[in-house]
Amino acid sequence: MALPFTDDFERANGELGASYTVGVGDLAIDGGICLNLVSANTEHVEYVNSETFANDQTASALIAESGGAFKAGVALRCSGTGASFAGVGFRLDSSTSLEINTWSGGTFTFREAVTVSAWADAVELEVELTGTTAKIFRAGVQQGSDVDLSSYGIPSAGAAAPFIYGPGAIYGFAADNLGGGYTPPVLPFVRLQFQPA
């Protein structure tokens, strides 16, 4: 395979598959949707292992509105598993708030919240991470100013991943390296409404 990496989760229910490594938690496919089927109040990240990512990278996800909870996004520069997992995560906490989180040695830390325009079902979240600067986009429109992550000790390398907390769910995921003239991948619109199993 070659970048960009895309996944619409339209395959048999069960594990995400051999292209992913479990960082923390346990994600699964259920009815063409990526979600966690294990624990309502934990973080779940499985990163792409089938591609080689540059340090400057981007990821995007079509976020499913699950009873107004959202609770899903992307993680970048992920590596290791369990107690050695490291990465930086960006996920919706509500329709108007996005959380930035980090992991180091498997330890999860909330870093800050960013106000975003009101989200709706199947609207794309995109994050670009260059050095220690993040740009957050809602359907191609940057949300707020660039975010300086230099004080958070974020990883310098690793892979991109879908990131889900509790009831969150994702319809589609894409990731790529950042480079000159890069345009974030546009994920296909998969379905109109999230229907929990």
Protein backbone atom coordinates (compact mmCIF):
# COMPACT_ATOMS: atom_id res chain seq x y z
CA MET A 1 0.00 0.00 0.00
CA ALA A 2 1.03 3.63 -0.36
CA LEU A 3 -0.03 6.90 1.20
CA PRO A 4 -2.54 8.42 1.36
CA PHE A 5 -4.13 5.76 3.55
CA THR A 6 -7.94 5.59 3.57
CA ASP A 7 -10.41 3.32 5.31
CA ASP A 8 -14.20 3.37 4.98
CA PHE A 9 -14.65 0.43 7.41
CA GLU A 10 -16.98 -1.25 4.93
CA ARG A 11 -16.00 -4.84 5.67
CA ALA A 12 -16.92 -7.67 8.01
CA ASN A 13 -17.62 -6.84 11.64
CA GLY A 14 -14.74 -7.38 14.03
CA GLU A 15 -11.14 -6.19 14.47
CA LEU A 16 -9.85 -3.31 12.35
CA GLY A 17 -7.38 -5.71 10.76
CA ALA A 18 -3.71 -6.27 10.02
CA SER A 19 -3.10 -2.68 8.83
CA TYR A 20 -3.57 -1.42 12.40
CA THR A 21 -1.72 -1.79 15.71
CA VAL A 22 -3.59 -1.37 19.00
CA GLY A 23 -2.07 1.54 20.90
CA VAL A 24 -4.59 1.71 23.74
CA GLY A 25 -8.09 0.31 24.14
CA ASP A 26 -9.83 -1.80 21.54
CA LEU A 27 -11.54 -0.58 18.36
CA ALA A 28 -13.80 -2.66 16.16
CA ILE A 29 -15.95 -2.46 13.05
CA ASP A 30 -19.69 -2.86 13.50
CA GLY A 31 -21.99 -2.29 10.54
CA GLY A 32 -19.40 -0.30 8.57
CA ILE A 33 -18.62 2.00 11.51
CA CYS A 34 -15.45 2.18 13.63
CA LEU A 35 -16.24 2.29 17.34
CA ASN A 36 -15.34 0.73 20.67
CA LEU A 37 -17.41 -2.20 21.89
CA VAL A 38 -15.65 -2.63 25.21
CA SER A 39 -15.64 0.30 27.63
CA ALA A 40 -17.78 3.44 27.70
CA ASN A 41 -15.28 5.66 29.51
CA THR A 42 -11.82 4.99 28.06
CA GLU A 43 -9.68 6.12 25.15
CA HIS A 44 -9.21 3.85 22.13
CA VAL A 45 -6.48 4.37 19.51
CA GLU A 46 -5.32 1.93 16.82
CA TYR A 47 -2.67 3.32 14.49
CA VAL A 48 -1.80 2.48 10.89
CA ASN A 49 1.17 0.12 10.64
CA SER A 50 1.05 -0.56 6.90
CA GLU A 51 2.52 2.84 5.93
CA THR A 52 5.60 4.89 6.77
CA PHE A 53 4.69 8.36 7.97
CA ALA A 54 6.87 11.45 7.94
CA ASN A 55 7.06 13.51 11.13
CA ASP A 56 4.76 16.14 9.59
CA GLN A 57 1.47 14.42 8.92
CA THR A 58 -2.27 14.81 8.69
CA ALA A 59 -5.33 12.72 9.42
CA SER A 60 -9.05 13.17 8.91
CA ALA A 61 -12.18 11.38 10.02
CA LEU A 62 -15.89 11.55 9.33
CA ILE A 63 -17.28 11.89 12.84
CA ALA A 64 -20.55 10.15 13.69
CA GLU A 65 -23.03 11.94 15.92
CA SER A 66 -23.95 9.35 18.54
CA GLY A 67 -26.76 10.73 20.65
CA GLY A 68 -25.09 14.15 20.56
CA ALA A 69 -21.90 12.77 22.11
CA PHE A 70 -19.50 12.81 19.11
CA LYS A 71 -16.38 11.82 21.20
CA ALA A 72 -14.22 10.83 18.22
CA GLY A 73 -11.32 12.18 16.18
CA VAL A 74 -7.78 11.37 15.11
CA ALA A 75 -4.39 10.79 16.71
CA LEU A 76 -0.99 11.53 15.19
CA ARG A 77 2.61 10.38 15.78
CA CYS A 78 1.45 7.22 17.53
CA SER A 79 3.82 4.42 18.51
CA GLY A 80 4.16 1.64 21.07
CA THR A 81 1.39 -0.27 22.81
CA GLY A 82 -0.19 -0.27 26.25
CA ALA A 83 2.24 1.07 28.86
CA SER A 84 4.65 2.23 26.14
CA PHE A 85 2.06 3.97 23.95
CA ALA A 86 2.80 7.55 22.85
CA GLY A 87 0.84 9.94 20.63
CA VAL A 88 -1.12 13.16 20.41
CA GLY A 89 -4.90 13.03 20.02
CA PHE A 90 -7.55 15.43 18.76
CA ARG A 91 -11.20 14.55 19.37
CA LEU A 92 -14.55 16.24 19.68
CA ASP A 93 -15.82 16.42 23.24
CA SER A 94 -19.10 18.02 22.20
CA SER A 95 -20.53 19.68 19.10
CA THR A 96 -18.54 22.87 19.83
CA SER A 97 -15.46 21.72 21.75
CA LEU A 98 -12.43 19.73 20.64
CA GLU A 99 -9.94 18.28 23.12
CA ILE A 100 -6.20 17.93 22.59
CA ASN A 101 -4.65 15.05 24.53
CA THR A 102 -1.27 13.34 24.75
CA TRP A 103 0.02 9.92 25.77
CA SER A 104 3.50 9.25 27.10
CA GLY A 105 4.48 5.89 28.54
CA GLY A 106 0.85 4.87 28.15
CA THR A 107 -0.31 7.72 30.41
CA PHE A 108 -3.18 9.83 29.05
CA THR A 109 -3.13 13.61 29.70
CA PHE A 110 -5.75 16.20 28.74
CA ARG A 111 -3.95 19.30 27.43
CA GLU A 112 -6.47 21.88 26.25
CA ALA A 113 -9.83 22.48 24.63
CA VAL A 114 -10.38 24.33 21.36
CA THR A 115 -13.72 25.93 20.46
CA VAL A 116 -15.04 24.78 17.07
CA SER A 117 -18.03 25.65 14.92
CA ALA A 118 -21.08 23.52 15.69
CA TRP A 119 -20.54 19.99 14.43
CA ALA A 120 -23.10 17.77 12.75
CA ASP A 121 -23.25 14.12 11.81
CA ALA A 122 -20.70 13.01 9.17
CA VAL A 123 -18.83 16.34 9.11
CA GLU A 124 -15.10 15.83 8.52
CA LEU A 125 -12.50 16.63 11.16
CA GLU A 126 -9.00 17.21 9.76
CA VAL A 127 -5.80 17.85 11.71
CA GLU A 128 -2.41 18.84 10.32
CA LEU A 129 0.63 18.54 12.57
CA THR A 130 3.83 20.28 11.47
CA GLY A 131 6.65 20.28 14.01
CA THR A 132 4.85 21.27 17.21
CA THR A 133 2.09 23.26 15.49
CA ALA A 134 -1.38 21.87 14.84
CA LYS A 135 -4.09 23.16 12.53
CA ILE A 136 -7.64 21.93 13.08
CA PHE A 137 -10.24 21.96 10.30
CA ARG A 138 -13.98 21.42 10.13
CA ALA A 139 -14.99 20.40 6.60
CA GLY A 140 -11.93 22.20 5.20
CA VAL A 141 -12.33 25.40 7.25
CA GLN A 142 -9.66 26.05 9.88
CA GLN A 143 -11.02 26.32 13.41
CA GLY A 144 -9.38 29.11 15.39
CA SER A 145 -5.67 29.87 15.19
CA ASP A 146 -2.76 27.48 14.85
CA VAL A 147 -2.22 25.60 18.13
CA ASP A 148 1.26 25.59 19.69
CA LEU A 149 1.93 22.19 21.28
CA SER A 150 5.60 22.82 22.10
CA SER A 151 5.07 22.83 25.88
CA TYR A 152 3.37 19.40 25.87
CA GLY A 153 6.34 17.22 24.94
CA ILE A 154 4.54 15.62 22.00
CA PRO A 155 6.19 12.74 20.12
CA SER A 156 8.38 13.70 17.17
CA ALA A 157 7.45 10.66 15.04
CA GLY A 158 4.92 7.87 14.69
CA ALA A 159 1.80 6.94 12.73
CA ALA A 160 -1.73 8.31 12.32
CA ALA A 161 -4.81 6.70 13.86
CA PRO A 162 -8.54 6.89 14.46
CA PHE A 163 -9.22 7.98 18.07
CA ILE A 164 -12.45 7.20 19.92
CA TYR A 165 -13.59 7.85 23.46
CA GLY A 166 -16.61 6.14 25.00
CA PRO A 167 -19.63 6.33 22.67
CA GLY A 168 -17.76 7.96 19.78
CA ALA A 169 -17.82 6.52 16.27
CA ILE A 170 -16.22 7.17 12.88
CA TYR A 171 -17.58 6.54 9.38
CA GLY A 172 -14.28 6.92 7.54
CA PHE A 173 -10.59 7.68 8.16
CA ALA A 174 -7.73 9.01 6.02
CA ALA A 175 -4.09 9.91 6.69
CA ASP A 176 -1.07 11.18 4.77
CA ASN A 177 2.28 12.90 5.04
CA LEU A 178 2.34 16.67 4.76
CA GLY A 179 4.33 18.17 1.92
CA GLY A 180 4.40 20.99 -0.56
CA GLY A 181 1.01 21.67 -2.08
CA TYR A 182 -0.71 19.06 0.07
CA THR A 183 -4.49 19.02 0.15
CA PRO A 184 -6.14 16.99 2.93
CA PRO A 185 -7.98 13.94 1.55
CA VAL A 186 -11.72 14.34 1.15
CA LEU A 187 -13.44 11.35 2.64
CA PRO A 188 -16.54 10.01 0.91
CA PHE A 189 -19.88 10.62 2.57
CA VAL A 190 -20.78 7.16 3.80
CA ARG A 191 -24.21 7.34 5.42
CA LEU A 192 -26.73 9.88 6.60
CA GLN A 193 -27.16 8.93 10.24
CA PHE A 194 -25.42 6.83 12.87
CA GLN A 195 -27.63 3.98 14.05
CA PRO A 196 -26.17 2.25 17.13
CA ALA A 197 -26.31 -1.55 17.05
